[in-house]
């Protein structure tokens, strides 16, 4: 598939000037200026995938994507009435690409195992001196993986386990980690 999306600027970005800090006796310190020239952000997205039922018990899915962003918002310093004056501009562009894959095995009606992997690469290019232009690169993990088992022990009792791996999140100062979840469910009655 190929898709295009546009984010229209908000009134804050085009019409409103804000003073963030005002120190008594010193006056305004930090300001965000309105920018009537701020334009819409644009995304063109490309996606493709493949699904295969390998056997009656085993299925496989894989999908890939490539997103091309232009005119993304950047907060840049400018001249103005405040010691630190910023303005929102369309100075950043970027690309994201990656893949997702899922392998599912259901040997019988009561038991299912699923393995899933995803890769996400974010590359942003902002103007020199922009405050937030490339920050988005560190908010999402490069890789994630999970392995899940679902077992209906009886008609009323289920036992589920999932192990997760998440790559580091540098902007949150979070190192890569593993997580294990286990759940036991009991359906008391049909209602």
Protein backbone atom coordinates (compact mmCIF):
# COMPACT_ATOMS: atom_id res chain seq x y z
CA UNK A 1 0.00 0.00 0.00
CA UNK A 2 0.94 3.61 -0.44
CA UNK A 3 -0.66 6.29 1.72
CA UNK A 4 -0.25 10.02 2.34
CA UNK A 5 -1.10 11.85 5.57
CA UNK A 6 -0.94 15.51 6.50
CA UNK A 7 -0.98 17.15 9.95
CA UNK A 8 -2.46 20.64 9.88
CA UNK A 9 -0.72 23.19 12.13
CA UNK A 10 -2.45 24.12 15.37
CA UNK A 11 -3.47 27.64 16.31
CA UNK A 12 -0.68 27.60 18.91
CA UNK A 13 1.96 27.03 16.21
CA UNK A 14 0.67 29.71 13.82
CA UNK A 15 -1.07 32.39 15.88
CA UNK A 16 -0.10 32.44 19.57
CA UNK A 17 3.04 33.83 21.22
CA UNK A 18 3.76 32.52 24.73
CA UNK A 19 6.08 33.73 27.49
CA UNK A 20 7.04 30.66 29.50
CA UNK A 21 8.93 32.24 32.40
CA UNK A 22 8.62 35.74 33.79
CA UNK A 23 10.94 36.67 36.67
CA UNK A 24 9.83 39.67 38.79
CA UNK A 25 12.27 42.54 38.36
CA UNK A 26 13.90 40.89 35.31
CA UNK A 27 10.97 40.58 32.91
CA UNK A 28 10.17 37.75 30.48
CA UNK A 29 12.90 35.16 30.05
CA UNK A 30 11.70 32.54 27.54
CA UNK A 31 9.26 32.98 24.68
CA UNK A 32 7.72 30.89 21.90
CA UNK A 33 6.80 33.06 18.93
CA UNK A 34 3.88 32.41 16.62
CA UNK A 35 4.84 31.49 13.05
CA UNK A 36 2.14 32.21 10.45
CA UNK A 37 4.45 30.59 7.86
CA UNK A 38 4.41 27.21 9.68
CA UNK A 39 3.10 24.68 7.16
CA UNK A 40 1.50 21.22 7.30
CA UNK A 41 3.68 18.21 8.14
CA UNK A 42 3.57 15.50 5.42
CA UNK A 43 4.00 11.71 5.49
CA UNK A 44 4.13 9.34 2.54
CA UNK A 45 3.99 5.71 3.76
CA UNK A 46 4.82 2.51 1.86
CA UNK A 47 3.91 -0.92 3.24
CA UNK A 48 4.06 -4.48 1.98
CA UNK A 49 3.62 -7.88 3.50
CA UNK A 50 3.25 -11.59 3.02
CA UNK A 51 1.18 -14.16 4.91
CA UNK A 52 1.50 -17.94 4.56
CA UNK A 53 -0.34 -20.84 6.17
CA UNK A 54 2.60 -23.26 6.04
CA UNK A 55 0.71 -26.23 7.51
CA UNK A 56 -2.72 -26.44 9.19
CA UNK A 57 -0.93 -25.78 12.52
CA UNK A 58 1.74 -23.24 11.47
CA UNK A 59 1.33 -19.77 9.97
CA UNK A 60 3.80 -16.99 9.19
CA UNK A 61 3.39 -13.25 8.61
CA UNK A 62 6.00 -10.69 7.58
CA UNK A 63 5.50 -7.01 6.81
CA UNK A 64 7.86 -4.20 5.91
CA UNK A 65 7.37 -0.46 5.84
CA UNK A 66 9.11 2.74 4.77
CA UNK A 67 7.84 6.17 5.81
CA UNK A 68 9.06 9.44 4.31
CA UNK A 69 8.36 12.55 6.42
CA UNK A 70 8.81 16.15 5.28
CA UNK A 71 8.11 19.58 6.76
CA UNK A 72 8.24 18.20 10.33
CA UNK A 73 8.05 20.66 13.22
CA UNK A 74 11.29 21.94 14.75
CA UNK A 75 11.73 24.41 17.56
CA UNK A 76 14.55 26.78 16.65
CA UNK A 77 16.09 29.76 18.36
CA UNK A 78 15.48 33.15 16.80
CA UNK A 79 15.88 36.82 17.66
CA UNK A 80 13.18 38.44 19.74
CA UNK A 81 12.26 40.36 22.87
CA UNK A 82 13.31 37.57 25.24
CA UNK A 83 16.83 36.33 26.10
CA UNK A 84 15.80 32.89 24.80
CA UNK A 85 13.30 33.18 21.96
CA UNK A 86 12.11 30.19 19.94
CA UNK A 87 9.85 29.64 16.97
CA UNK A 88 8.29 26.52 15.41
CA UNK A 89 9.47 25.92 11.84
CA UNK A 90 9.20 23.14 9.25
CA UNK A 91 12.91 22.42 9.30
CA UNK A 92 13.01 18.67 9.95
CA UNK A 93 12.65 15.73 7.58
CA UNK A 94 12.90 12.07 8.37
CA UNK A 95 12.55 8.46 7.42
CA UNK A 96 11.40 5.43 9.38
CA UNK A 97 11.62 1.88 8.15
CA UNK A 98 11.42 -1.58 9.55
CA UNK A 99 9.79 -4.94 9.60
CA UNK A 100 7.51 -7.10 11.71
CA UNK A 101 7.41 -10.89 11.64
CA UNK A 102 5.11 -13.34 13.44
CA UNK A 103 5.30 -17.14 13.58
CA UNK A 104 2.32 -18.98 15.06
CA UNK A 105 2.04 -22.68 15.97
CA UNK A 106 -1.24 -24.18 17.19
CA UNK A 107 -0.73 -27.95 17.61
CA UNK A 108 -4.29 -28.36 18.96
CA UNK A 109 -7.35 -26.29 19.87
CA UNK A 110 -6.18 -25.82 23.48
CA UNK A 111 -2.58 -24.70 22.98
CA UNK A 112 -0.95 -21.92 20.96
CA UNK A 113 2.62 -20.53 20.74
CA UNK A 114 3.41 -17.24 19.01
CA UNK A 115 6.80 -15.61 18.38
CA UNK A 116 6.96 -12.01 17.17
CA UNK A 117 9.85 -9.71 16.22
CA UNK A 118 9.91 -6.07 15.15
CA UNK A 119 12.64 -3.74 13.92
CA UNK A 120 12.16 0.04 13.78
CA UNK A 121 14.80 2.44 12.46
CA UNK A 122 14.18 6.19 12.85
CA UNK A 123 16.38 8.75 11.08
CA UNK A 124 15.59 12.43 11.50
CA UNK A 125 17.44 15.39 9.99
CA UNK A 126 16.85 18.78 11.52
CA UNK A 127 18.33 22.20 11.08
CA UNK A 128 21.50 23.11 12.97
CA UNK A 129 20.71 24.46 16.41
CA UNK A 130 17.13 23.17 16.52
CA UNK A 131 16.09 22.17 20.04
CA UNK A 132 13.99 19.06 19.34
CA UNK A 133 14.67 18.17 15.71
CA UNK A 134 16.30 14.76 16.12
CA UNK A 135 15.13 13.85 19.64
CA UNK A 136 12.52 11.40 18.32
CA UNK A 137 15.22 8.92 17.33
CA UNK A 138 15.71 7.77 20.93
CA UNK A 139 12.11 7.39 22.08
CA UNK A 140 11.34 4.05 20.41
CA UNK A 141 13.27 0.79 20.69
CA UNK A 142 15.21 -0.42 17.66
CA UNK A 143 14.18 -4.04 18.30
CA UNK A 144 11.45 -5.86 20.20
CA UNK A 145 10.74 -9.58 20.56
CA UNK A 146 8.16 -11.66 22.39
CA UNK A 147 7.34 -15.34 22.79
CA UNK A 148 3.84 -16.16 24.04
CA UNK A 149 2.13 -19.41 24.99
CA UNK A 150 -1.62 -19.74 25.59
CA UNK A 151 -2.99 -22.93 27.09
CA UNK A 152 -6.65 -23.65 27.83
CA UNK A 153 -6.10 -26.19 30.60
CA UNK A 154 -9.85 -26.87 30.86
CA UNK A 155 -12.96 -25.13 29.50
CA UNK A 156 -12.80 -22.79 32.51
CA UNK A 157 -9.07 -22.41 33.28
CA UNK A 158 -6.36 -20.85 31.10
CA UNK A 159 -2.61 -20.50 31.67
CA UNK A 160 -0.67 -17.91 29.66
CA UNK A 161 3.03 -16.96 29.61
CA UNK A 162 4.87 -14.27 27.68
CA UNK A 163 8.53 -13.28 27.63
CA UNK A 164 9.44 -9.90 26.13
CA UNK A 165 12.69 -8.29 25.03
CA UNK A 166 12.92 -4.54 24.42
CA UNK A 167 16.06 -2.78 23.15
CA UNK A 168 17.37 0.33 24.89
CA UNK A 169 15.50 3.65 24.97
CA UNK A 170 18.31 6.25 25.13
CA UNK A 171 16.08 9.32 25.54
CA UNK A 172 14.48 7.79 28.63
CA UNK A 173 17.84 6.47 29.91
CA UNK A 174 16.40 2.91 29.86
CA UNK A 175 18.74 0.03 29.04
CA UNK A 176 17.56 -3.03 27.13
CA UNK A 177 15.48 -5.34 29.29
CA UNK A 178 13.59 -8.62 29.50
CA UNK A 179 10.14 -9.03 31.05
CA UNK A 180 8.19 -12.18 31.89
CA UNK A 181 4.41 -12.19 32.43
CA UNK A 182 2.40 -15.17 33.67
CA UNK A 183 -1.36 -15.30 33.99
CA UNK A 184 -3.91 -17.82 35.21
CA UNK A 185 -7.54 -17.24 34.28
CA UNK A 186 -10.66 -18.86 35.67
CA UNK A 187 -14.07 -18.35 34.10
CA UNK A 188 -16.43 -18.83 37.04
CA UNK A 189 -19.55 -19.26 34.89
CA UNK A 190 -20.80 -18.51 31.38
CA UNK A 191 -21.74 -14.96 32.33
